Amino acid sequence: MEKVKEKLANLRSEAEASNALAEEYEAKIKQLELESTSKDHELLSIQIRAKNLEDQLDKAEAQLQLTSAKYNEADLKAEEAERTVQKLEQELIDKEQHYEDILEKYTGAKTELDELARQFDEFLI
């Protein structure tokens, strides 16, 4: 009987130790589940931030393309305007030369006319 009591005490002791170990493992499982949930939330938060950053990157790239296109268009217009300015400057030089030629002819004709008028006046006197 003594052996049975001893065996029973050993079994109770083992059962208590097993229950304590089971409770310890259950607590550890709950802790790991909480950590897993926390990590899942953190991962979801990171995924959302990554998606937002990708969206911002897409918008920035689209804006960059639009700005680049506008810059290229403005650059082409500036080049065209520069060519127009050069053309107008050359036209101005040509017109000034033409004006000087006409002025020279006018001055020559006026001088000749004045001379003829003087001679005519002398002829009449």
PDB file of N, CA and C in Angstrom:
ATOM      1  N   MET A   1       0.813  -1.160   0.000  1.00  0.00           N
ATOM      2  CA  MET A   1       0.000   0.000   0.000  1.00  0.00           C
ATOM      3  C   MET A   1       0.880   1.255   0.000  1.00  0.00           C
ATOM      4  N   GLU A   2       1.903   1.100   0.733  1.00  0.00           N
ATOM      5  CA  GLU A   2       2.862   2.179   0.814  1.00  0.00           C
ATOM      6  C   GLU A   2       3.385   2.520  -0.584  1.00  0.00           C
ATOM      7  N   LYS A   3       3.648   1.478  -1.354  1.00  0.00           N
ATOM      8  CA  LYS A   3       4.165   1.687  -2.695  1.00  0.00           C
ATOM      9  C   LYS A   3       3.129   2.375  -3.566  1.00  0.00           C
ATOM     10  N   VAL A   4       1.882   2.037  -3.364  1.00  0.00           N
ATOM     11  CA  VAL A   4       0.811   2.635  -4.163  1.00  0.00           C
ATOM     12  C   VAL A   4       0.699   4.114  -3.800  1.00  0.00           C
ATOM     13  N   LYS A   5       0.785   4.413  -2.491  1.00  0.00           N
ATOM     14  CA  LYS A   5       0.703   5.804  -2.061  1.00  0.00           C
ATOM     15  C   LYS A   5       1.900   6.593  -2.627  1.00  0.00           C
ATOM     16  N   GLU A   6       3.053   5.938  -2.567  1.00  0.00           N
ATOM     17  CA  GLU A   6       4.249   6.585  -3.089  1.00  0.00           C
ATOM     18  C   GLU A   6       4.109   6.807  -4.593  1.00  0.00           C
ATOM     19  N   LYS A   7       3.607   5.802  -5.269  1.00  0.00           N
ATOM     20  CA  LYS A   7       3.411   5.892  -6.715  1.00  0.00           C
ATOM     21  C   LYS A   7       2.390   6.977  -7.022  1.00  0.00           C
ATOM     22  N   LEU A   8       1.315   7.005  -6.233  1.00  0.00           N
ATOM     23  CA  LEU A   8       0.268   8.002  -6.405  1.00  0.00           C
ATOM     24  C   LEU A   8       0.814   9.408  -6.158  1.00  0.00           C
ATOM     25  N   ALA A   9       1.665   9.561  -5.163  1.00  0.00           N
ATOM     26  CA  ALA A   9       2.284  10.857  -4.869  1.00  0.00           C
ATOM     27  C   ALA A   9       3.196  11.272  -6.008  1.00  0.00           C
ATOM     28  N   ASN A  10       3.918  10.290  -6.546  1.00  0.00           N
ATOM     29  CA  ASN A  10       4.788  10.592  -7.695  1.00  0.00           C
ATOM     30  C   ASN A  10       3.965  11.026  -8.906  1.00  0.00           C
ATOM     31  N   LEU A  11       2.872  10.333  -9.116  1.00  0.00           N
ATOM     32  CA  LEU A  11       1.995  10.667 -10.253  1.00  0.00           C
ATOM     33  C   LEU A  11       1.387  12.055 -10.075  1.00  0.00           C
ATOM     34  N   ARG A  12       0.980  12.344  -8.821  1.00  0.00           N
ATOM     35  CA  ARG A  12       0.418  13.676  -8.555  1.00  0.00           C
ATOM     36  C   ARG A  12       1.494  14.742  -8.791  1.00  0.00           C
ATOM     37  N   SER A  13       2.673  14.467  -8.326  1.00  0.00           N
ATOM     38  CA  SER A  13       3.776  15.392  -8.494  1.00  0.00           C
ATOM     39  C   SER A  13       4.077  15.592  -9.975  1.00  0.00           C
ATOM     40  N   GLU A  14       4.102  14.498 -10.728  1.00  0.00           N
ATOM     41  CA  GLU A  14       4.340  14.600 -12.173  1.00  0.00           C
ATOM     42  C   GLU A  14       3.201  15.349 -12.857  1.00  0.00           C
ATOM     43  N   ALA A  15       1.947  15.086 -12.403  1.00  0.00           N
ATOM     44  CA  ALA A  15       0.781  15.755 -12.978  1.00  0.00           C
ATOM     45  C   ALA A  15       0.853  17.249 -12.706  1.00  0.00           C
ATOM     46  N   GLU A  16       1.239  17.629 -11.489  1.00  0.00           N
ATOM     47  CA  GLU A  16       1.366  19.043 -11.140  1.00  0.00           C
ATOM     48  C   GLU A  16       2.475  19.703 -11.971  1.00  0.00           C
ATOM     49  N   ALA A  17       3.586  18.982 -12.108  1.00  0.00           N
ATOM     50  CA  ALA A  17       4.692  19.516 -12.905  1.00  0.00           C
ATOM     51  C   ALA A  17       4.262  19.652 -14.361  1.00  0.00           C
ATOM     52  N   SER A  18       3.530  18.652 -14.852  1.00  0.00           N
ATOM     53  CA  SER A  18       3.041  18.709 -16.237  1.00  0.00           C
ATOM     54  C   SER A  18       2.045  19.846 -16.410  1.00  0.00           C
ATOM     55  N   ASN A  19       1.160  20.036 -15.428  1.00  0.00           N
ATOM     56  CA  ASN A  19       0.193  21.142 -15.493  1.00  0.00           C
ATOM     57  C   ASN A  19       0.921  22.498 -15.470  1.00  0.00           C
ATOM     58  N   ALA A  20       1.926  22.597 -14.614  1.00  0.00           N
ATOM     59  CA  ALA A  20       2.696  23.843 -14.532  1.00  0.00           C
ATOM     60  C   ALA A  20       3.405  24.104 -15.860  1.00  0.00           C
ATOM     61  N   LEU A  21       3.982  23.022 -16.420  1.00  0.00           N
ATOM     62  CA  LEU A  21       4.662  23.159 -17.707  1.00  0.00           C
ATOM     63  C   LEU A  21       3.664  23.524 -18.805  1.00  0.00           C
ATOM     64  N   ALA A  22       2.470  22.914 -18.768  1.00  0.00           N
ATOM     65  CA  ALA A  22       1.436  23.210 -19.760  1.00  0.00           C
ATOM     66  C   ALA A  22       1.002  24.671 -19.641  1.00  0.00           C
ATOM     67  N   GLU A  23       0.828  25.160 -18.407  1.00  0.00           N
ATOM     68  CA  GLU A  23       0.456  26.562 -18.206  1.00  0.00           C
ATOM     69  C   GLU A  23       1.560  27.492 -18.709  1.00  0.00           C
ATOM     70  N   GLU A  24       2.796  27.095 -18.464  1.00  0.00           N
ATOM     71  CA  GLU A  24       3.925  27.887 -18.935  1.00  0.00           C
ATOM     72  C   GLU A  24       3.929  27.949 -20.468  1.00  0.00           C
ATOM     73  N   TYR A  25       3.701  26.781 -21.082  1.00  0.00           N
ATOM     74  CA  TYR A  25       3.651  26.729 -22.547  1.00  0.00           C
ATOM     75  C   TYR A  25       2.470  27.509 -23.101  1.00  0.00           C
ATOM     76  N   GLU A  26       1.323  27.447 -22.429  1.00  0.00           N
ATOM     77  CA  GLU A  26       0.147  28.212 -22.865  1.00  0.00           C
ATOM     78  C   GLU A  26       0.433  29.714 -22.784  1.00  0.00           C
ATOM     79  N   ALA A  27       1.087  30.132 -21.723  1.00  0.00           N
ATOM     80  CA  ALA A  27       1.443  31.549 -21.577  1.00  0.00           C
ATOM     81  C   ALA A  27       2.423  31.951 -22.679  1.00  0.00           C
ATOM     82  N   LYS A  28       3.385  31.070 -22.952  1.00  0.00           N
ATOM     83  CA  LYS A  28       4.358  31.348 -24.008  1.00  0.00           C
ATOM     84  C   LYS A  28       3.652  31.427 -25.363  1.00  0.00           C
ATOM     85  N   ILE A  29       2.687  30.518 -25.594  1.00  0.00           N
ATOM     86  CA  ILE A  29       1.924  30.520 -26.862  1.00  0.00           C
ATOM     87  C   ILE A  29       1.148  31.822 -26.995  1.00  0.00           C
ATOM     88  N   LYS A  30       0.500  32.266 -25.918  1.00  0.00           N
ATOM     89  CA  LYS A  30      -0.250  33.530 -25.960  1.00  0.00           C
ATOM     90  C   LYS A  30       0.678  34.704 -26.257  1.00  0.00           C
ATOM     91  N   GLN A  31       1.847  34.690 -25.611  1.00  0.00           N
ATOM     92  CA  GLN A  31       2.825  35.757 -25.841  1.00  0.00           C
ATOM     93  C   GLN A  31       3.266  35.750 -27.306  1.00  0.00           C
ATOM     94  N   LEU A  32       3.554  34.574 -27.848  1.00  0.00           N
ATOM     95  CA  LEU A  32       3.982  34.470 -29.245  1.00  0.00           C
ATOM     96  C   LEU A  32       2.851  34.869 -30.195  1.00  0.00           C
ATOM     97  N   GLU A  33       1.625  34.521 -29.852  1.00  0.00           N
ATOM     98  CA  GLU A  33       0.488  34.927 -30.681  1.00  0.00           C
ATOM     99  C   GLU A  33       0.336  36.451 -30.679  1.00  0.00           C
ATOM    100  N   LEU A  34       0.526  37.068 -29.500  1.00  0.00           N
ATOM    101  CA  LEU A  34       0.464  38.532 -29.420  1.00  0.00           C
ATOM    102  C   LEU A  34       1.583  39.160 -30.244  1.00  0.00           C
ATOM    103  N   GLU A  35       2.781  38.597 -30.138  1.00  0.00           N
ATOM    104  CA  GLU A  35       3.898  39.109 -30.930  1.00  0.00           C
ATOM    105  C   GLU A  35       3.628  38.934 -32.419  1.00  0.00           C
ATOM    106  N   SER A  36       3.044  37.797 -32.777  1.00  0.00           N
ATOM    107  CA  SER A  36       2.720  37.537 -34.188  1.00  0.00           C
ATOM    108  C   SER A  36       1.690  38.544 -34.693  1.00  0.00           C
ATOM    109  N   THR A  37       0.672  38.803 -33.880  1.00  0.00           N
ATOM    110  CA  THR A  37      -0.354  39.793 -34.259  1.00  0.00           C
ATOM    111  C   THR A  37       0.279  41.168 -34.398  1.00  0.00           C
ATOM    112  N   SER A  38       1.153  41.516 -33.454  1.00  0.00           N
ATOM    113  CA  SER A  38       1.841  42.803 -33.512  1.00  0.00           C
ATOM    114  C   SER A  38       2.690  42.898 -34.772  1.00  0.00           C
ATOM    115  N   LYS A  39       3.408  41.825 -35.092  1.00  0.00           N
ATOM    116  CA  LYS A  39       4.240  41.815 -36.303  1.00  0.00           C
ATOM    117  C   LYS A  39       3.364  41.903 -37.552  1.00  0.00           C
ATOM    118  N   ASP A  40       2.204  41.229 -37.537  1.00  0.00           N
ATOM    119  CA  ASP A  40       1.280  41.309 -38.676  1.00  0.00           C
ATOM    120  C   ASP A  40       0.802  42.743 -38.882  1.00  0.00           C
ATOM    121  N   HIS A  41       0.470  43.419 -37.777  1.00  0.00           N
ATOM    122  CA  HIS A  41       0.030  44.819 -37.871  1.00  0.00           C
ATOM    123  C   HIS A  41       1.160  45.710 -38.382  1.00  0.00           C
ATOM    124  N   GLU A  42       2.348  45.468 -37.868  1.00  0.00           N
ATOM    125  CA  GLU A  42       3.502  46.246 -38.309  1.00  0.00           C
ATOM    126  C   GLU A  42       3.775  46.014 -39.793  1.00  0.00           C
ATOM    127  N   LEU A  43       3.677  44.759 -40.228  1.00  0.00           N
ATOM    128  CA  LEU A  43       3.879  44.430 -41.641  1.00  0.00           C
ATOM    129  C   LEU A  43       2.823  45.116 -42.503  1.00  0.00           C
ATOM    130  N   LEU A  44       1.572  45.079 -42.043  1.00  0.00           N
ATOM    131  CA  LEU A  44       0.494  45.736 -42.792  1.00  0.00           C
ATOM    132  C   LEU A  44       0.757  47.241 -42.882  1.00  0.00           C
ATOM    133  N   SER A  45       1.206  47.828 -41.771  1.00  0.00           N
ATOM    134  CA  SER A  45       1.519  49.259 -41.769  1.00  0.00           C
ATOM    135  C   SER A  45       2.644  49.570 -42.748  1.00  0.00           C
ATOM    136  N   ILE A  46       3.667  48.736 -42.771  1.00  0.00           N
ATOM    137  CA  ILE A  46       4.787  48.939 -43.697  1.00  0.00           C
ATOM    138  C   ILE A  46       4.325  48.782 -45.138  1.00  0.00           C
ATOM    139  N   GLN A  47       3.456  47.803 -45.382  1.00  0.00           N
ATOM    140  CA  GLN A  47       2.936  47.601 -46.741  1.00  0.00           C
ATOM    141  C   GLN A  47       2.123  48.812 -47.195  1.00  0.00           C
ATOM    142  N   ILE A  48       1.336  49.371 -46.302  1.00  0.00           N
ATOM    143  CA  ILE A  48       0.536  50.557 -46.644  1.00  0.00           C
ATOM    144  C   ILE A  48       1.453  51.741 -46.929  1.00  0.00           C
ATOM    145  N   ARG A  49       2.484  51.906 -46.081  1.00  0.00           N
ATOM    146  CA  ARG A  49       3.438  52.998 -46.324  1.00  0.00           C
ATOM    147  C   ARG A  49       4.166  52.807 -47.642  1.00  0.00           C
ATOM    148  N   ALA A  50       4.541  51.563 -47.936  1.00  0.00           N
ATOM    149  CA  ALA A  50       5.229  51.280 -49.201  1.00  0.00           C
ATOM    150  C   ALA A  50       4.319  51.604 -50.380  1.00  0.00           C
ATOM    151  N   LYS A  51       3.043  51.259 -50.278  1.00  0.00           N
ATOM    152  CA  LYS A  51       2.081  51.547 -51.339  1.00  0.00           C
ATOM    153  C   LYS A  51       1.929  53.062 -51.512  1.00  0.00           C
ATOM    154  N   ASN A  52       1.840  53.771 -50.403  1.00  0.00           N
ATOM    155  CA  ASN A  52       1.731  55.236 -50.480  1.00  0.00           C
ATOM    156  C   ASN A  52       2.971  55.850 -51.112  1.00  0.00           C
ATOM    157  N   LEU A  53       4.144  55.343 -50.740  1.00  0.00           N
ATOM    158  CA  LEU A  53       5.383  55.850 -51.330  1.00  0.00           C
ATOM    159  C   LEU A  53       5.455  55.544 -52.822  1.00  0.00           C
ATOM    160  N   GLU A  54       4.991  54.360 -53.215  1.00  0.00           N
ATOM    161  CA  GLU A  54       4.959  54.015 -54.642  1.00  0.00           C
ATOM    162  C   GLU A  54       4.020  54.959 -55.396  1.00  0.00           C
ATOM    163  N   ASP A  55       2.865  55.241 -54.786  1.00  0.00           N
ATOM    164  CA  ASP A  55       1.920  56.182 -55.414  1.00  0.00           C
ATOM    165  C   ASP A  55       2.558  57.562 -55.555  1.00  0.00           C
ATOM    166  N   GLN A  56       3.234  58.010 -54.494  1.00  0.00           N
ATOM    167  CA  GLN A  56       3.904  59.311 -54.553  1.00  0.00           C
ATOM    168  C   GLN A  56       4.996  59.313 -55.618  1.00  0.00           C
ATOM    169  N   LEU A  57       5.717  58.214 -55.719  1.00  0.00           N
ATOM    170  CA  LEU A  57       6.763  58.102 -56.737  1.00  0.00           C
ATOM    171  C   LEU A  57       6.153  58.177 -58.135  1.00  0.00           C
ATOM    172  N   ASP A  58       5.035  57.466 -58.339  1.00  0.00           N
ATOM    173  CA  ASP A  58       4.366  57.514 -59.638  1.00  0.00           C
ATOM    174  C   ASP A  58       3.935  58.937 -59.978  1.00  0.00           C
ATOM    175  N   LYS A  59       3.376  59.635 -58.997  1.00  0.00           N
ATOM    176  CA  LYS A  59       2.945  61.014 -59.227  1.00  0.00           C
ATOM    177  C   LYS A  59       4.150  61.908 -59.527  1.00  0.00           C
ATOM    178  N   ALA A  60       5.238  61.717 -58.784  1.00  0.00           N
ATOM    179  CA  ALA A  60       6.435  62.527 -59.006  1.00  0.00           C
ATOM    180  C   ALA A  60       7.019  62.257 -60.391  1.00  0.00           C
ATOM    181  N   GLU A  61       7.014  60.995 -60.808  1.00  0.00           N
ATOM    182  CA  GLU A  61       7.533  60.663 -62.144  1.00  0.00           C
ATOM    183  C   GLU A  61       6.654  61.280 -63.223  1.00  0.00           C
ATOM    184  N   ALA A  62       5.329  61.228 -63.027  1.00  0.00           N
ATOM    185  CA  ALA A  62       4.419  61.837 -64.005  1.00  0.00           C
ATOM    186  C   ALA A  62       4.652  63.348 -64.062  1.00  0.00           C
ATOM    187  N   GLN A  63       4.819  63.973 -62.908  1.00  0.00           N
ATOM    188  CA  GLN A  63       5.071  65.416 -62.859  1.00  0.00           C
ATOM    189  C   GLN A  63       6.402  65.749 -63.528  1.00  0.00           C
ATOM    190  N   LEU A  64       7.401  64.895 -63.301  1.00  0.00           N
ATOM    191  CA  LEU A  64       8.707  65.102 -63.923  1.00  0.00           C
ATOM    192  C   LEU A  64       8.595  65.016 -65.445  1.00  0.00           C
ATOM    193  N   GLN A  65       7.850  64.041 -65.931  1.00  0.00           N
ATOM    194  CA  GLN A  65       7.669  63.910 -67.379  1.00  0.00           C
ATOM    195  C   GLN A  65       6.959  65.136 -67.943  1.00  0.00           C
ATOM    196  N   LEU A  66       5.921  65.593 -67.242  1.00  0.00           N
ATOM    197  CA  LEU A  66       5.188  66.769 -67.697  1.00  0.00           C
ATOM    198  C   LEU A  66       6.089  67.998 -67.697  1.00  0.00           C
ATOM    199  N   THR A  67       6.843  68.166 -66.621  1.00  0.00           N
ATOM    200  CA  THR A  67       7.753  69.305 -66.521  1.00  0.00           C
ATOM    201  C   THR A  67       8.835  69.233 -67.601  1.00  0.00           C
ATOM    202  N   SER A  68       9.353  68.037 -67.837  1.00  0.00           N
ATOM    203  CA  SER A  68      10.373  67.868 -68.880  1.00  0.00           C
ATOM    204  C   SER A  68       9.808  68.208 -70.250  1.00  0.00           C
ATOM    205  N   ALA A  69       8.576  67.763 -70.505  1.00  0.00           N
ATOM    206  CA  ALA A  69       7.946  68.067 -71.790  1.00  0.00           C
ATOM    207  C   ALA A  69       7.754  69.571 -71.944  1.00  0.00           C
ATOM    208  N   LYS A  70       7.303  70.228 -70.884  1.00  0.00           N
ATOM    209  CA  LYS A  70       7.112  71.674 -70.940  1.00  0.00           C
ATOM    210  C   LYS A  70       8.449  72.387 -71.126  1.00  0.00           C
ATOM    211  N   TYR A  71       9.491  71.901 -70.457  1.00  0.00           N
ATOM    212  CA  TYR A  71      10.822  72.496 -70.609  1.00  0.00           C
ATOM    213  C   TYR A  71      11.300  72.361 -72.056  1.00  0.00           C
ATOM    214  N   ASN A  72      11.146  71.161 -72.610  1.00  0.00           N
ATOM    215  CA  ASN A  72      11.575  70.945 -73.999  1.00  0.00           C
ATOM    216  C   ASN A  72      10.806  71.848 -74.957  1.00  0.00           C
ATOM    217  N   GLU A  73       9.512  71.994 -74.705  1.00  0.00           N
ATOM    218  CA  GLU A  73       8.690  72.864 -75.548  1.00  0.00           C
ATOM    219  C   GLU A  73       9.153  74.316 -75.427  1.00  0.00           C
ATOM    220  N   ALA A  74       9.408  74.748 -74.208  1.00  0.00           N
ATOM    221  CA  ALA A  74       9.886  76.122 -73.982  1.00  0.00           C
ATOM    222  C   ALA A  74      11.251  76.323 -74.623  1.00  0.00           C
ATOM    223  N   ASP A  75      12.110  75.309 -74.542  1.00  0.00           N
ATOM    224  CA  ASP A  75      13.436  75.392 -75.139  1.00  0.00           C
ATOM    225  C   ASP A  75      13.330  75.530 -76.651  1.00  0.00           C
ATOM    226  N   LEU A  76      12.429  74.769 -77.261  1.00  0.00           N
ATOM    227  CA  LEU A  76      12.228  74.875 -78.714  1.00  0.00           C
ATOM    228  C   LEU A  76      11.711  76.264 -79.093  1.00  0.00           C
ATOM    229  N   LYS A  77      10.776  76.774 -78.280  1.00  0.00           N
ATOM    230  CA  LYS A  77      10.254  78.112 -78.555  1.00  0.00           C
ATOM    231  C   LYS A  77      11.352  79.158 -78.406  1.00  0.00           C
ATOM    232  N   ALA A  78      12.209  78.985 -77.418  1.00  0.00           N
ATOM    233  CA  ALA A  78      13.311  79.935 -77.214  1.00  0.00           C
ATOM    234  C   ALA A  78      14.278  79.897 -78.398  1.00  0.00           C
ATOM    235  N   GLU A  79      14.563  78.691 -78.895  1.00  0.00           N
ATOM    236  CA  GLU A  79      15.439  78.579 -80.063  1.00  0.00           C
ATOM    237  C   GLU A  79      14.798  79.240 -81.279  1.00  0.00           C
ATOM    238  N   GLU A  80      13.504  79.026 -81.446  1.00  0.00           N
ATOM    239  CA  GLU A  80      12.787  79.638 -82.571  1.00  0.00           C
ATOM    240  C   GLU A  80      12.797  81.156 -82.444  1.00  0.00           C
ATOM    241  N   ALA A  81      12.585  81.637 -81.219  1.00  0.00           N
ATOM    242  CA  ALA A  81      12.603  83.086 -80.985  1.00  0.00           C
ATOM    243  C   ALA A  81      13.999  83.647 -81.270  1.00  0.00           C
ATOM    244  N   GLU A  82      15.031  82.914 -80.890  1.00  0.00           N
ATOM    245  CA  GLU A  82      16.405  83.362 -81.145  1.00  0.00           C
ATOM    246  C   GLU A  82      16.660  83.453 -82.652  1.00  0.00           C
ATOM    247  N   ARG A  83      16.180  82.454 -83.386  1.00  0.00           N
ATOM    248  CA  ARG A  83      16.345  82.499 -84.846  1.00  0.00           C
ATOM    249  C   ARG A  83      15.583  83.689 -85.433  1.00  0.00           C
ATOM    250  N   THR A  84      14.395  83.962 -84.902  1.00  0.00           N
ATOM    251  CA  THR A  84      13.611  85.106 -85.376  1.00  0.00           C
ATOM    252  C   THR A  84      14.342  86.406 -85.078  1.00  0.00           C
ATOM    253  N   VAL A  85      14.914  86.509 -83.875  1.00  0.00           N
ATOM    254  CA  VAL A  85      15.666  87.711 -83.501  1.00  0.00           C
ATOM    255  C   VAL A  85      16.850  87.900 -84.448  1.00  0.00           C
ATOM    256  N   GLN A  86      17.582  86.827 -84.730  1.00  0.00           N
ATOM    257  CA  GLN A  86      18.722  86.926 -85.630  1.00  0.00           C
ATOM    258  C   GLN A  86      18.274  87.348 -87.033  1.00  0.00           C
ATOM    259  N   LYS A  87      17.153  86.788 -87.470  1.00  0.00           N
ATOM    260  CA  LYS A  87      16.624  87.136 -88.791  1.00  0.00           C
ATOM    261  C   LYS A  87      16.239  88.622 -88.825  1.00  0.00           C
ATOM    262  N   LEU A  88      15.558  89.077 -87.769  1.00  0.00           N
ATOM    263  CA  LEU A  88      15.145  90.478 -87.706  1.00  0.00           C
ATOM    264  C   LEU A  88      16.355  91.410 -87.614  1.00  0.00           C
ATOM    265  N   GLU A  89      17.373  90.992 -86.848  1.00  0.00           N
ATOM    266  CA  GLU A  89      18.577  91.810 -86.765  1.00  0.00           C
ATOM    267  C   GLU A  89      19.247  91.938 -88.132  1.00  0.00           C
ATOM    268  N   GLN A  90      19.299  90.841 -88.876  1.00  0.00           N
ATOM    269  CA  GLN A  90      19.878  90.885 -90.216  1.00  0.00           C
ATOM    270  C   GLN A  90      19.030  91.762 -91.134  1.00  0.00           C
ATOM    271  N   GLU A  91      17.706  91.649 -90.991  1.00  0.00           N
ATOM    272  CA  GLU A  91      16.811  92.498 -91.785  1.00  0.00           C
ATOM    273  C   GLU A  91      17.053  93.962 -91.467  1.00  0.00           C
ATOM    274  N   LEU A  92      17.235  94.267 -90.176  1.00  0.00           N
ATOM    275  CA  LEU A  92      17.496  95.641 -89.752  1.00  0.00           C
ATOM    276  C   LEU A  92      18.798  96.145 -90.379  1.00  0.00           C
ATOM    277  N   ILE A  93      19.829  95.311 -90.336  1.00  0.00           N
ATOM    278  CA  ILE A  93      21.110  95.710 -90.948  1.00  0.00           C
ATOM    279  C   ILE A  93      20.919  95.979 -92.434  1.00  0.00           C
ATOM    280  N   ASP A  94      20.180  95.086 -93.109  1.00  0.00           N
ATOM    281  CA  ASP A  94      19.923  95.271 -94.546  1.00  0.00           C
ATOM    282  C   ASP A  94      19.130  96.551 -94.803  1.00  0.00           C
ATOM    283  N   LYS A  95      18.130  96.806 -93.984  1.00  0.00           N
ATOM    284  CA  LYS A  95      17.298  98.010 -94.156  1.00  0.00           C
ATOM    285  C   LYS A  95      18.121  99.272 -93.889  1.00  0.00           C
ATOM    286  N   GLU A  96      18.975  99.225 -92.864  1.00  0.00           N
ATOM    287  CA  GLU A  96      19.823 100.378 -92.578  1.00  0.00           C
ATOM    288  C   GLU A  96      20.774 100.652 -93.747  1.00  0.00           C
ATOM    289  N   GLN A  97      21.328  99.612 -94.318  1.00  0.00           N
ATOM    290  CA  GLN A  97      22.217  99.776 -95.471  1.00  0.00           C
ATOM    291  C   GLN A  97      21.437 100.353 -96.657  1.00  0.00           C
ATOM    292  N   HIS A  98      20.227  99.808 -96.858  1.00  0.00           N
ATOM    293  CA  HIS A  98      19.383 100.321 -97.939  1.00  0.00           C
ATOM    294  C   HIS A  98      19.040 101.800 -97.699  1.00  0.00           C
ATOM    295  N   TYR A  99      18.735 102.149 -96.440  1.00  0.00           N
ATOM    296  CA  TYR A  99      18.430 103.533 -96.080  1.00  0.00           C
ATOM    297  C   TYR A  99      19.638 104.424 -96.369  1.00  0.00           C
ATOM    298  N   GLU A 100      20.817 103.976 -95.970  1.00  0.00           N
ATOM    299  CA  GLU A 100      22.021 104.766 -96.215  1.00  0.00           C
ATOM    300  C   GLU A 100      22.263 104.955 -97.717  1.00  0.00           C
ATOM    301  N   ASP A 101      22.022 103.889 -98.495  1.00  0.00           N
ATOM    302  CA  ASP A 101      22.165 104.001 -99.949  1.00  0.00           C
ATOM    303  C   ASP A 101      21.181 105.019-100.515  1.00  0.00           C
ATOM    304  N   ILE A 102      19.932 104.935-100.072  1.00  0.00           N
ATOM    305  CA  ILE A 102      18.909 105.871-100.564  1.00  0.00           C
ATOM    306  C   ILE A 102      19.231 107.291-100.115  1.00  0.00           C
ATOM    307  N   LEU A 103      19.676 107.426 -98.853  1.00  0.00           N
ATOM    308  CA  LEU A 103      20.027 108.736 -98.334  1.00  0.00           C
ATOM    309  C   LEU A 103      21.186 109.326 -99.144  1.00  0.00           C
ATOM    310  N   GLU A 104      22.138 108.500 -99.471  1.00  0.00           N
ATOM    311  CA  GLU A 104      23.273 108.959-100.269  1.00  0.00           C
ATOM    312  C   GLU A 104      22.800 109.402-101.662  1.00  0.00           C
ATOM    313  N   LYS A 105      21.913 108.617-102.263  1.00  0.00           N
ATOM    314  CA  LYS A 105      21.377 108.993-103.578  1.00  0.00           C
ATOM    315  C   LYS A 105      20.566 110.285-103.482  1.00  0.00           C
ATOM    316  N   TYR A 106      19.770 110.383-102.375  1.00  0.00           N
ATOM    317  CA  TYR A 106      18.960 111.590-102.173  1.00  0.00           C
ATOM    318  C   TYR A 106      19.866 112.807-102.018  1.00  0.00           C
ATOM    319  N   THR A 107      20.899 112.650-101.176  1.00  0.00           N
ATOM    320  CA  THR A 107      21.829 113.758-100.957  1.00  0.00           C
ATOM    321  C   THR A 107      22.493 114.160-102.272  1.00  0.00           C
ATOM    322  N   GLY A 108      22.898 113.154-103.038  1.00  0.00           N
ATOM    323  CA  GLY A 108      23.511 113.432-104.334  1.00  0.00           C
ATOM    324  C   GLY A 108      22.528 114.116-105.275  1.00  0.00           C
ATOM    325  N   ALA A 109      21.289 113.629-105.322  1.00  0.00           N
ATOM    326  CA  ALA A 109      20.280 114.223-106.195  1.00  0.00           C
ATOM    327  C   ALA A 109      19.940 115.627-105.738  1.00  0.00           C
ATOM    328  N   LYS A 110      19.858 115.859-104.420  1.00  0.00           N
ATOM    329  CA  LYS A 110      19.541 117.183-103.889  1.00  0.00           C
ATOM    330  C   LYS A 110      20.666 118.165-104.238  1.00  0.00           C
ATOM    331  N   THR A 111      21.885 117.690-104.054  1.00  0.00           N
ATOM    332  CA  THR A 111      23.025 118.546-104.384  1.00  0.00           C
ATOM    333  C   THR A 111      22.982 118.907-105.871  1.00  0.00           C
ATOM    334  N   GLU A 112      22.720 117.900-106.683  1.00  0.00           N
ATOM    335  CA  GLU A 112      22.646 118.144-108.136  1.00  0.00           C
ATOM    336  C   GLU A 112      21.487 119.088-108.463  1.00  0.00           C
ATOM    337  N   LEU A 113      20.341 118.892-107.793  1.00  0.00           N
ATOM    338  CA  LEU A 113      19.188 119.753-108.030  1.00  0.00           C
ATOM    339  C   LEU A 113      19.492 121.180-107.582  1.00  0.00           C
ATOM    340  N   ASP A 114      20.126 121.327-106.428  1.00  0.00           N
ATOM    341  CA  ASP A 114      20.502 122.647-105.937  1.00  0.00           C
ATOM    342  C   ASP A 114      21.449 123.336-106.935  1.00  0.00           C
ATOM    343  N   GLU A 115      22.383 122.552-107.455  1.00  0.00           N
ATOM    344  CA  GLU A 115      23.327 123.099-108.433  1.00  0.00           C
ATOM    345  C   GLU A 115      22.594 123.541-109.702  1.00  0.00           C
ATOM    346  N   LEU A 116      21.656 122.703-110.141  1.00  0.00           N
ATOM    347  CA  LEU A 116      20.871 123.063-111.331  1.00  0.00           C
ATOM    348  C   LEU A 116      20.016 124.303-111.059  1.00  0.00           C
ATOM    349  N   ALA A 117      19.439 124.359-109.853  1.00  0.00           N
ATOM    350  CA  ALA A 117      18.611 125.516-109.508  1.00  0.00           C
ATOM    351  C   ALA A 117      19.461 126.771-109.474  1.00  0.00           C
ATOM    352  N   ARG A 118      20.671 126.699-108.954  1.00  0.00           N
ATOM    353  CA  ARG A 118      21.579 127.831-108.915  1.00  0.00           C
ATOM    354  C   ARG A 118      21.945 128.261-110.338  1.00  0.00           C
ATOM    355  N   GLN A 119      22.247 127.256-111.163  1.00  0.00           N
ATOM    356  CA  GLN A 119      22.602 127.582-112.553  1.00  0.00           C
ATOM    357  C   GLN A 119      21.402 128.198-113.277  1.00  0.00           C
ATOM    358  N   PHE A 120      20.227 127.697-113.008  1.00  0.00           N
ATOM    359  CA  PHE A 120      19.028 128.217-113.642  1.00  0.00           C
ATOM    360  C   PHE A 120      18.789 129.660-113.197  1.00  0.00           C
ATOM    361  N   ASP A 121      18.986 129.912-111.881  1.00  0.00           N
ATOM    362  CA  ASP A 121      18.838 131.259-111.353  1.00  0.00           C
ATOM    363  C   ASP A 121      19.855 132.191-112.024  1.00  0.00           C
ATOM    364  N   GLU A 122      21.067 131.720-112.209  1.00  0.00           N
ATOM    365  CA  GLU A 122      22.107 132.545-112.836  1.00  0.00           C
ATOM    366  C   GLU A 122      21.766 132.792-114.310  1.00  0.00           C
ATOM    367  N   PHE A 123      21.168 131.818-114.925  1.00  0.00           N
ATOM    368  CA  PHE A 123      20.808 131.942-116.321  1.00  0.00           C
ATOM    369  C   PHE A 123      19.689 132.977-116.492  1.00  0.00           C
ATOM    370  N   LEU A 124      18.811 132.995-115.518  1.00  0.00           N
ATOM    371  CA  LEU A 124      17.694 133.926-115.595  1.00  0.00           C
ATOM    372  C   LEU A 124      18.109 135.343-115.234  1.00  0.00           C
ATOM    373  N   ILE A 125      19.094 135.521-114.487  1.00  0.00           N
ATOM    374  CA  ILE A 125      19.524 136.860-114.071  1.00  0.00           C
ATOM    375  C   ILE A 125      20.278 137.507-115.149  1.00  0.00           C
TER     376      ILE A 125
END
